Amino acid sequence: MIKFSAFPDAYETEQFVAHLLTSQGVIYPKCIATGKYENWNYQIAVKVEGQQIANETKEQKEYLLPMLLPELMKMNLVSVDHTSGYGWLDGTGNGMSSSWHEFILDTFKEE
């Protein structure tokens, strides 16, 4: 799968998150490469097969939930000890706000 963006450093954060999660056993699309082509930044990642659970029927969601919960629990246990901050992440995995309170207030200011 390839994605393009006009924003500088558009995929640094996603690459950080992909490495963080996959290195700790969480299923996440592996980032193969990032780069720049003319005025566009791009990311090439492994395409994961499947469909969005939100598009499934109620019965299918109920069937899938027991299989999904262990993956969500793994995500909850991912170590982020080497990062700091809260809210939106920069390319190094650090939150851009100094507290949750600051992040929430800034979010409401944007709206």
Protein backbone atom coordinates (compact mmCIF):
# COMPACT_ATOMS: atom_id res chain seq x y z
CA MET A 1 0.00 0.00 0.00
CA ILE A 2 1.34 3.45 -0.82
CA LYS A 3 0.14 6.76 0.61
CA PHE A 4 1.04 10.28 -0.44
CA SER A 5 0.91 13.56 1.49
CA ALA A 6 1.93 17.14 0.81
CA PHE A 7 2.67 17.72 4.52
CA PRO A 8 6.35 17.73 5.56
CA ASP A 9 7.33 14.72 7.68
CA ALA A 10 3.81 13.36 7.24
CA TYR A 11 4.70 9.75 8.01
CA GLU A 12 7.34 10.00 10.74
CA THR A 13 4.78 9.52 13.52
CA GLU A 14 3.11 6.61 11.76
CA GLN A 15 6.47 4.94 11.23
CA PHE A 16 7.27 5.39 14.94
CA VAL A 17 3.91 3.91 16.00
CA ALA A 18 4.25 0.99 13.57
CA HIS A 19 7.66 0.10 14.99
CA LEU A 20 6.55 0.60 18.60
CA LEU A 21 3.53 -1.68 18.23
CA THR A 22 5.03 -4.43 16.05
CA SER A 23 8.18 -4.65 18.19
CA GLN A 24 5.93 -5.45 21.17
CA GLY A 25 3.78 -8.05 19.40
CA VAL A 26 0.80 -5.95 18.35
CA ILE A 27 -0.50 -6.59 14.84
CA TYR A 28 -0.03 -3.43 12.78
CA PRO A 29 0.88 -2.81 9.11
CA LYS A 30 4.65 -2.85 8.73
CA CYS A 31 6.16 0.29 7.25
CA ILE A 32 8.53 -0.70 4.45
CA ALA A 33 9.77 2.74 3.36
CA THR A 34 9.14 6.46 3.48
CA GLY A 35 10.50 9.08 1.15
CA LYS A 36 9.88 12.09 -1.02
CA TYR A 37 8.94 12.32 -4.69
CA GLU A 38 8.89 15.85 -6.06
CA ASN A 39 6.59 17.79 -3.66
CA TRP A 40 5.01 14.67 -2.18
CA ASN A 41 5.98 12.61 0.86
CA TYR A 42 5.14 8.94 0.58
CA GLN A 43 4.95 5.84 2.73
CA ILE A 44 4.94 2.26 1.54
CA ALA A 45 3.43 -0.24 3.98
CA VAL A 46 2.30 -3.83 3.93
CA LYS A 47 -1.41 -4.03 3.15
CA VAL A 48 -3.25 -5.95 5.84
CA GLU A 49 -6.06 -8.14 4.60
CA GLY A 50 -9.50 -7.75 6.09
CA GLN A 51 -12.32 -5.30 6.44
CA GLN A 52 -13.23 -2.56 8.86
CA ILE A 53 -15.18 -4.02 11.74
CA ALA A 54 -17.50 -1.00 11.71
CA ASN A 55 -18.84 -2.20 8.34
CA GLU A 56 -19.71 -5.67 9.63
CA THR A 57 -23.16 -6.84 10.70
CA LYS A 58 -24.07 -6.94 14.39
CA GLU A 59 -23.79 -10.74 14.34
CA GLN A 60 -20.34 -10.63 12.74
CA LYS A 61 -19.16 -8.03 15.26
CA GLU A 62 -20.33 -10.25 18.13
CA TYR A 63 -18.44 -13.17 16.58
CA LEU A 64 -15.24 -11.14 16.06
CA LEU A 65 -15.15 -9.38 19.43
CA PRO A 66 -13.59 -12.30 21.38
CA MET A 67 -10.76 -12.43 18.81
CA LEU A 68 -10.26 -8.66 18.89
CA LEU A 69 -10.05 -8.23 22.66
CA PRO A 70 -6.62 -9.91 23.10
CA GLU A 71 -5.13 -7.53 20.50
CA LEU A 72 -6.65 -4.52 22.25
CA MET A 73 -5.25 -5.77 25.56
CA LYS A 74 -1.77 -6.07 23.98
CA MET A 75 -2.05 -2.45 22.82
CA ASN A 76 -2.90 -1.39 26.37
CA LEU A 77 0.32 -3.00 27.63
CA VAL A 78 2.68 -1.39 25.10
CA SER A 79 5.56 0.29 26.90
CA VAL A 80 5.83 4.02 26.24
CA ASP A 81 8.31 4.66 29.06
CA HIS A 82 10.83 6.23 26.67
CA THR A 83 8.37 8.90 25.50
CA SER A 84 6.93 12.00 27.14
CA GLY A 85 3.98 14.31 26.76
CA TYR A 86 0.31 13.82 25.94
CA GLY A 87 -2.03 14.04 22.95
CA TRP A 88 -0.94 14.16 19.33
CA LEU A 89 2.49 12.62 18.77
CA ASP A 90 5.45 14.09 16.97
CA GLY A 91 7.76 11.98 14.80
CA THR A 92 9.77 10.79 17.80
CA GLY A 93 6.70 9.54 19.66
CA ASN A 94 6.48 12.37 22.18
CA GLY A 95 3.15 14.02 22.91
CA MET A 96 2.86 17.65 21.88
CA SER A 97 1.12 18.73 25.10
CA SER A 98 2.59 18.79 28.60
CA SER A 99 -0.59 17.36 30.23
CA TRP A 100 -3.92 15.75 29.31
CA HIS A 101 -5.62 18.87 30.62
CA GLU A 102 -3.64 21.06 28.21
CA PHE A 103 -4.34 18.69 25.32
CA ILE A 104 -8.11 18.67 25.96
CA LEU A 105 -8.25 22.47 26.29
CA ASP A 106 -6.27 22.91 23.07
CA THR A 107 -8.56 20.46 21.28
CA PHE A 108 -11.64 22.46 22.22
CA LYS A 109 -9.94 25.70 21.17
CA GLU A 110 -9.54 24.26 17.65
CA GLU A 111 -13.28 23.61 17.34
